[in-house]
Amino acid sequence: MSVKDPFQQLVDEITLIRQDMERLKRTSLDKDDAEALHEMLAEGVDRMRKVGPEVQKAVEMRLLGVAAVLREETAKAAASAAEGAIAKTRTESLEAARSLSQAAGEARRQAWRYFGGFWVWLASMLATGAVLGLLLAYGMETAKSALSVDDLVRYNCGRSWFGGQVVDQDNGSSFCAFWIKQAPSDGN
């Protein structure tokens, strides 16, 4: 690597400055061009100042429209998601109910197999009916004998909780009287 001579570096810099000056001369404006450019820029700025609020209103209106559409689409998406969740939950519930129904049916079949099925059930129902019939017949006979009117009156007449009065007759028999009308007394 060779090092450039400082004088050569200075010459190169001056050459670059001269080229930049030539370029500037070619792109620089004269007074009439500058005034025309200034006038055009001033008109553009005035137009932009007038158009600015209208552009802002148009942008705001568009934003409001987009916000309304966004709200509507959001509501639709939420409703759709809710419907999907409800449908999924309903499907899962129906599947669970179907599964439980199948399990109950299988349990019922296993119970029938384990306990002997219909004939065992029928025999047990007949035996239960016979035992209940015997108990009912015995209870009715016991109740008839315990609650017969003759026995009830014979053994309880004259007691405070039963009422009545035992009346002896001249022939040696007696009866239980509940209502006795006595003859009026002479006033003695």
C-alpha atoms as a PDB file:
ATOM      1  CA  MET A   1       0.000   0.000   0.000  1.00  0.00           C
ATOM      2  CA  SER A   2       1.397   3.254  -1.036  1.00  0.00           C
ATOM      3  CA  VAL A   3       0.687   6.425   0.851  1.00  0.00           C
ATOM      4  CA  LYS A   4      -0.520   9.365  -1.237  1.00  0.00           C
ATOM      5  CA  ASP A   5       1.478  12.489  -1.298  1.00  0.00           C
ATOM      6  CA  PRO A   6      -0.193  15.313   0.707  1.00  0.00           C
ATOM      7  CA  PHE A   7       0.121  17.651  -2.248  1.00  0.00           C
ATOM      8  CA  GLN A   8      -1.666  15.146  -4.497  1.00  0.00           C
ATOM      9  CA  GLN A   9      -4.411  14.833  -1.912  1.00  0.00           C
ATOM     10  CA  LEU A  10      -4.885  18.614  -1.917  1.00  0.00           C
ATOM     11  CA  VAL A  11      -5.113  18.655  -5.705  1.00  0.00           C
ATOM     12  CA  ASP A  12      -7.724  15.887  -5.658  1.00  0.00           C
ATOM     13  CA  GLU A  13      -9.797  17.802  -3.095  1.00  0.00           C
ATOM     14  CA  ILE A  14      -9.677  21.002  -5.135  1.00  0.00           C
ATOM     15  CA  THR A  15     -10.773  19.083  -8.214  1.00  0.00           C
ATOM     16  CA  LEU A  16     -13.742  17.678  -6.336  1.00  0.00           C
ATOM     17  CA  ILE A  17     -14.700  21.149  -5.106  1.00  0.00           C
ATOM     18  CA  ARG A  18     -14.555  22.484  -8.654  1.00  0.00           C
ATOM     19  CA  GLN A  19     -16.826  19.703  -9.905  1.00  0.00           C
ATOM     20  CA  ASP A  20     -19.291  20.432  -7.099  1.00  0.00           C
ATOM     21  CA  MET A  21     -19.292  24.128  -8.049  1.00  0.00           C
ATOM     22  CA  GLU A  22     -20.031  23.258 -11.685  1.00  0.00           C
ATOM     23  CA  ARG A  23     -22.904  21.086 -10.631  1.00  0.00           C
ATOM     24  CA  LEU A  24     -24.294  23.820  -8.394  1.00  0.00           C
ATOM     25  CA  LYS A  25     -24.087  26.350 -11.235  1.00  0.00           C
ATOM     26  CA  ARG A  26     -26.064  24.059 -13.470  1.00  0.00           C
ATOM     27  CA  THR A  27     -28.777  23.427 -10.826  1.00  0.00           C
ATOM     28  CA  SER A  28     -29.033  26.896  -9.361  1.00  0.00           C
ATOM     29  CA  LEU A  29     -31.959  29.108 -10.303  1.00  0.00           C
ATOM     30  CA  ASP A  30     -31.871  32.646 -11.503  1.00  0.00           C
ATOM     31  CA  LYS A  31     -34.077  35.288  -9.880  1.00  0.00           C
ATOM     32  CA  ASP A  32     -37.134  34.774 -12.163  1.00  0.00           C
ATOM     33  CA  ASP A  33     -37.011  31.023 -11.736  1.00  0.00           C
ATOM     34  CA  ALA A  34     -36.681  31.396  -7.960  1.00  0.00           C
ATOM     35  CA  GLU A  35     -39.664  33.768  -7.805  1.00  0.00           C
ATOM     36  CA  ALA A  36     -41.782  31.428  -9.941  1.00  0.00           C
ATOM     37  CA  LEU A  37     -40.763  28.472  -7.755  1.00  0.00           C
ATOM     38  CA  HIS A  38     -41.561  30.510  -4.625  1.00  0.00           C
ATOM     39  CA  GLU A  39     -44.972  31.462  -6.018  1.00  0.00           C
ATOM     40  CA  MET A  40     -45.743  27.844  -6.905  1.00  0.00           C
ATOM     41  CA  LEU A  41     -44.678  26.620  -3.463  1.00  0.00           C
ATOM     42  CA  ALA A  42     -46.768  29.328  -1.735  1.00  0.00           C
ATOM     43  CA  GLU A  43     -49.854  28.324  -3.764  1.00  0.00           C
ATOM     44  CA  GLY A  44     -49.245  24.663  -2.899  1.00  0.00           C
ATOM     45  CA  VAL A  45     -48.955  25.485   0.782  1.00  0.00           C
ATOM     46  CA  ASP A  46     -52.209  27.517   0.632  1.00  0.00           C
ATOM     47  CA  ARG A  47     -53.987  24.653  -1.100  1.00  0.00           C
ATOM     48  CA  MET A  48     -52.624  22.189   1.435  1.00  0.00           C
ATOM     49  CA  ARG A  49     -53.786  24.437   4.272  1.00  0.00           C
ATOM     50  CA  LYS A  50     -57.301  24.523   2.774  1.00  0.00           C
ATOM     51  CA  VAL A  51     -57.383  20.842   1.926  1.00  0.00           C
ATOM     52  CA  GLY A  52     -55.962  19.768   5.335  1.00  0.00           C
ATOM     53  CA  PRO A  53     -59.202  20.064   7.360  1.00  0.00           C
ATOM     54  CA  GLU A  54     -61.180  18.407   4.571  1.00  0.00           C
ATOM     55  CA  VAL A  55     -58.679  15.568   4.448  1.00  0.00           C
ATOM     56  CA  GLN A  56     -58.868  15.295   8.234  1.00  0.00           C
ATOM     57  CA  LYS A  57     -62.685  15.134   8.101  1.00  0.00           C
ATOM     58  CA  ALA A  58     -62.543  12.526   5.357  1.00  0.00           C
ATOM     59  CA  VAL A  59     -60.037  10.471   7.371  1.00  0.00           C
ATOM     60  CA  GLU A  60     -62.212  10.760  10.493  1.00  0.00           C
ATOM     61  CA  MET A  61     -65.305   9.682   8.555  1.00  0.00           C
ATOM     62  CA  ARG A  62     -63.443   6.716   7.133  1.00  0.00           C
ATOM     63  CA  LEU A  63     -62.159   5.806  10.593  1.00  0.00           C
ATOM     64  CA  LEU A  64     -65.702   6.005  11.998  1.00  0.00           C
ATOM     65  CA  GLY A  65     -66.932   3.771   9.179  1.00  0.00           C
ATOM     66  CA  VAL A  66     -64.121   1.296   9.788  1.00  0.00           C
ATOM     67  CA  ALA A  67     -64.856   1.341  13.539  1.00  0.00           C
ATOM     68  CA  ALA A  68     -68.555   0.604  12.883  1.00  0.00           C
ATOM     69  CA  VAL A  69     -67.679  -2.260  10.555  1.00  0.00           C
ATOM     70  CA  LEU A  70     -65.155  -3.526  13.083  1.00  0.00           C
ATOM     71  CA  ARG A  71     -67.769  -3.477  15.874  1.00  0.00           C
ATOM     72  CA  GLU A  72     -70.264  -5.291  13.669  1.00  0.00           C
ATOM     73  CA  GLU A  73     -67.739  -7.910  12.633  1.00  0.00           C
ATOM     74  CA  THR A  74     -66.626  -8.334  16.251  1.00  0.00           C
ATOM     75  CA  ALA A  75     -70.235  -8.883  17.363  1.00  0.00           C
ATOM     76  CA  LYS A  76     -70.746 -11.399  14.558  1.00  0.00           C
ATOM     77  CA  ALA A  77     -67.542 -13.219  15.483  1.00  0.00           C
ATOM     78  CA  ALA A  78     -68.539 -13.312  19.160  1.00  0.00           C
ATOM     79  CA  ALA A  79     -72.019 -14.611  18.310  1.00  0.00           C
ATOM     80  CA  SER A  80     -70.550 -17.222  16.020  1.00  0.00           C
ATOM     81  CA  ALA A  81     -68.072 -18.307  18.678  1.00  0.00           C
ATOM     82  CA  ALA A  82     -70.866 -18.513  21.277  1.00  0.00           C
ATOM     83  CA  GLU A  83     -73.048 -20.564  18.922  1.00  0.00           C
ATOM     84  CA  GLY A  84     -70.134 -22.875  18.266  1.00  0.00           C
ATOM     85  CA  ALA A  85     -69.459 -23.290  21.981  1.00  0.00           C
ATOM     86  CA  ILE A  86     -73.141 -23.986  22.689  1.00  0.00           C
ATOM     87  CA  ALA A  87     -73.327 -26.512  19.874  1.00  0.00           C
ATOM     88  CA  LYS A  88     -70.159 -28.208  21.113  1.00  0.00           C
ATOM     89  CA  THR A  89     -71.471 -28.308  24.692  1.00  0.00           C
ATOM     90  CA  ARG A  90     -74.821 -29.685  23.528  1.00  0.00           C
ATOM     91  CA  THR A  91     -73.080 -32.377  21.494  1.00  0.00           C
ATOM     92  CA  GLU A  92     -70.887 -33.310  24.454  1.00  0.00           C
ATOM     93  CA  SER A  93     -73.935 -33.406  26.776  1.00  0.00           C
ATOM     94  CA  LEU A  94     -75.865 -35.635  24.392  1.00  0.00           C
ATOM     95  CA  GLU A  95     -72.866 -37.928  24.043  1.00  0.00           C
ATOM     96  CA  ALA A  96     -72.480 -38.123  27.835  1.00  0.00           C
ATOM     97  CA  ALA A  97     -76.214 -38.858  28.260  1.00  0.00           C
ATOM     98  CA  ARG A  98     -76.031 -41.551  25.593  1.00  0.00           C
ATOM     99  CA  SER A  99     -73.003 -43.082  27.302  1.00  0.00           C
ATOM    100  CA  LEU A 100     -74.723 -43.045  30.721  1.00  0.00           C
ATOM    101  CA  SER A 101     -77.856 -44.596  29.234  1.00  0.00           C
ATOM    102  CA  GLN A 102     -75.789 -47.393  27.716  1.00  0.00           C
ATOM    103  CA  ALA A 103     -74.001 -47.941  31.036  1.00  0.00           C
ATOM    104  CA  ALA A 104     -77.347 -48.084  32.900  1.00  0.00           C
ATOM    105  CA  GLY A 105     -78.709 -50.607  30.396  1.00  0.00           C
ATOM    106  CA  GLU A 106     -75.620 -52.750  30.781  1.00  0.00           C
ATOM    107  CA  ALA A 107     -75.875 -52.548  34.577  1.00  0.00           C
ATOM    108  CA  ARG A 108     -79.549 -53.581  34.394  1.00  0.00           C
ATOM    109  CA  ARG A 109     -78.678 -56.554  32.177  1.00  0.00           C
ATOM    110  CA  GLN A 110     -75.871 -57.588  34.532  1.00  0.00           C
ATOM    111  CA  ALA A 111     -78.229 -57.360  37.507  1.00  0.00           C
ATOM    112  CA  TRP A 112     -80.781 -59.551  35.732  1.00  0.00           C
ATOM    113  CA  ARG A 113     -78.064 -62.099  34.973  1.00  0.00           C
ATOM    114  CA  TYR A 114     -76.652 -61.978  38.487  1.00  0.00           C
ATOM    115  CA  PHE A 115     -79.985 -62.236  40.320  1.00  0.00           C
ATOM    116  CA  GLY A 116     -81.542 -64.844  38.014  1.00  0.00           C
ATOM    117  CA  GLY A 117     -83.634 -62.726  35.729  1.00  0.00           C
ATOM    118  CA  PHE A 118     -87.376 -62.678  35.291  1.00  0.00           C
ATOM    119  CA  TRP A 119     -88.275 -66.010  36.933  1.00  0.00           C
ATOM    120  CA  VAL A 120     -86.494 -65.195  40.162  1.00  0.00           C
ATOM    121  CA  TRP A 121     -88.198 -61.798  40.200  1.00  0.00           C
ATOM    122  CA  LEU A 122     -91.598 -63.400  39.574  1.00  0.00           C
ATOM    123  CA  ALA A 123     -91.100 -66.008  42.304  1.00  0.00           C
ATOM    124  CA  SER A 124     -89.994 -63.368  44.798  1.00  0.00           C
ATOM    125  CA  MET A 125     -93.021 -61.205  43.978  1.00  0.00           C
ATOM    126  CA  LEU A 126     -95.378 -64.182  44.432  1.00  0.00           C
ATOM    127  CA  ALA A 127     -93.768 -65.127  47.747  1.00  0.00           C
ATOM    128  CA  THR A 128     -93.963 -61.521  48.933  1.00  0.00           C
ATOM    129  CA  GLY A 129     -97.646 -61.373  47.934  1.00  0.00           C
ATOM    130  CA  ALA A 130     -98.409 -64.621  49.774  1.00  0.00           C
ATOM    131  CA  VAL A 131     -96.675 -63.449  52.965  1.00  0.00           C
ATOM    132  CA  LEU A 132     -98.460 -60.092  52.816  1.00  0.00           C
ATOM    133  CA  GLY A 133    -101.812 -61.854  52.248  1.00  0.00           C
ATOM    134  CA  LEU A 134    -101.282 -64.122  55.267  1.00  0.00           C
ATOM    135  CA  LEU A 135    -100.279 -61.182  57.439  1.00  0.00           C
ATOM    136  CA  LEU A 136    -103.319 -59.213  56.301  1.00  0.00           C
ATOM    137  CA  ALA A 137    -105.708 -62.131  56.965  1.00  0.00           C
ATOM    138  CA  TYR A 138    -104.247 -62.704  60.442  1.00  0.00           C
ATOM    139  CA  GLY A 139    -104.398 -58.984  61.232  1.00  0.00           C
ATOM    140  CA  MET A 140    -108.010 -58.737  60.137  1.00  0.00           C
ATOM    141  CA  GLU A 141    -109.094 -61.713  62.264  1.00  0.00           C
ATOM    142  CA  THR A 142    -107.235 -60.340  65.260  1.00  0.00           C
ATOM    143  CA  ALA A 143    -108.778 -56.926  64.765  1.00  0.00           C
ATOM    144  CA  LYS A 144    -112.261 -58.423  64.401  1.00  0.00           C
ATOM    145  CA  SER A 145    -111.999 -60.347  67.612  1.00  0.00           C
ATOM    146  CA  ALA A 146    -110.375 -57.484  69.499  1.00  0.00           C
ATOM    147  CA  LEU A 147    -112.740 -54.849  68.238  1.00  0.00           C
ATOM    148  CA  SER A 148    -116.085 -56.636  68.158  1.00  0.00           C
ATOM    149  CA  VAL A 149    -118.854 -54.420  69.507  1.00  0.00           C
ATOM    150  CA  ASP A 150    -120.211 -57.027  71.904  1.00  0.00           C
ATOM    151  CA  ASP A 151    -116.873 -57.550  73.601  1.00  0.00           C
ATOM    152  CA  LEU A 152    -116.104 -53.852  73.596  1.00  0.00           C
ATOM    153  CA  VAL A 153    -119.360 -52.938  75.313  1.00  0.00           C
ATOM    154  CA  ARG A 154    -119.333 -55.944  77.652  1.00  0.00           C
ATOM    155  CA  TYR A 155    -115.917 -55.253  79.116  1.00  0.00           C
ATOM    156  CA  ASN A 156    -115.781 -51.441  78.984  1.00  0.00           C
ATOM    157  CA  CYS A 157    -119.262 -50.159  79.841  1.00  0.00           C
ATOM    158  CA  GLY A 158    -119.229 -47.652  82.666  1.00  0.00           C
ATOM    159  CA  ARG A 159    -115.577 -46.764  82.371  1.00  0.00           C
ATOM    160  CA  SER A 160    -114.731 -43.091  82.156  1.00  0.00           C
ATOM    161  CA  TRP A 161    -113.060 -43.288  78.757  1.00  0.00           C
ATOM    162  CA  PHE A 162    -115.851 -45.402  77.225  1.00  0.00           C
ATOM    163  CA  GLY A 163    -118.972 -44.019  78.894  1.00  0.00           C
ATOM    164  CA  GLY A 164    -122.389 -45.570  79.501  1.00  0.00           C
ATOM    165  CA  GLN A 165    -123.994 -47.112  82.572  1.00  0.00           C
ATOM    166  CA  VAL A 166    -124.696 -50.743  83.418  1.00  0.00           C
ATOM    167  CA  VAL A 167    -128.422 -51.287  84.095  1.00  0.00           C
ATOM    168  CA  ASP A 168    -129.510 -54.477  85.917  1.00  0.00           C
ATOM    169  CA  GLN A 169    -132.876 -55.941  85.103  1.00  0.00           C
ATOM    170  CA  ASP A 170    -135.320 -57.878  87.325  1.00  0.00           C
ATOM    171  CA  ASN A 171    -134.726 -61.154  85.498  1.00  0.00           C
ATOM    172  CA  GLY A 172    -130.975 -61.033  86.312  1.00  0.00           C
ATOM    173  CA  SER A 173    -129.709 -59.741  82.964  1.00  0.00           C
ATOM    174  CA  SER A 174    -128.019 -56.391  82.431  1.00  0.00           C
ATOM    175  CA  PHE A 175    -127.319 -53.993  79.610  1.00  0.00           C
ATOM    176  CA  CYS A 176    -125.171 -50.938  78.911  1.00  0.00           C
ATOM    177  CA  ALA A 177    -127.160 -47.751  78.525  1.00  0.00           C
ATOM    178  CA  PHE A 178    -125.688 -44.666  77.000  1.00  0.00           C
ATOM    179  CA  TRP A 179    -128.741 -42.460  77.039  1.00  0.00           C
ATOM    180  CA  ILE A 180    -131.273 -42.625  79.781  1.00  0.00           C
ATOM    181  CA  LYS A 181    -134.264 -40.333  80.074  1.00  0.00           C
ATOM    182  CA  GLN A 182    -135.380 -40.138  83.637  1.00  0.00           C
ATOM    183  CA  ALA A 183    -138.906 -39.330  84.662  1.00  0.00           C
ATOM    184  CA  PRO A 184    -139.432 -35.853  86.039  1.00  0.00           C
ATOM    185  CA  SER A 185    -139.356 -35.764  89.787  1.00  0.00           C
ATOM    186  CA  ASP A 186    -142.278 -34.502  91.923  1.00  0.00           C
ATOM    187  CA  GLY A 187    -140.208 -31.766  93.370  1.00  0.00           C
ATOM    188  CA  ASN A 188    -139.422 -33.510  96.622  1.00  0.00           C
END
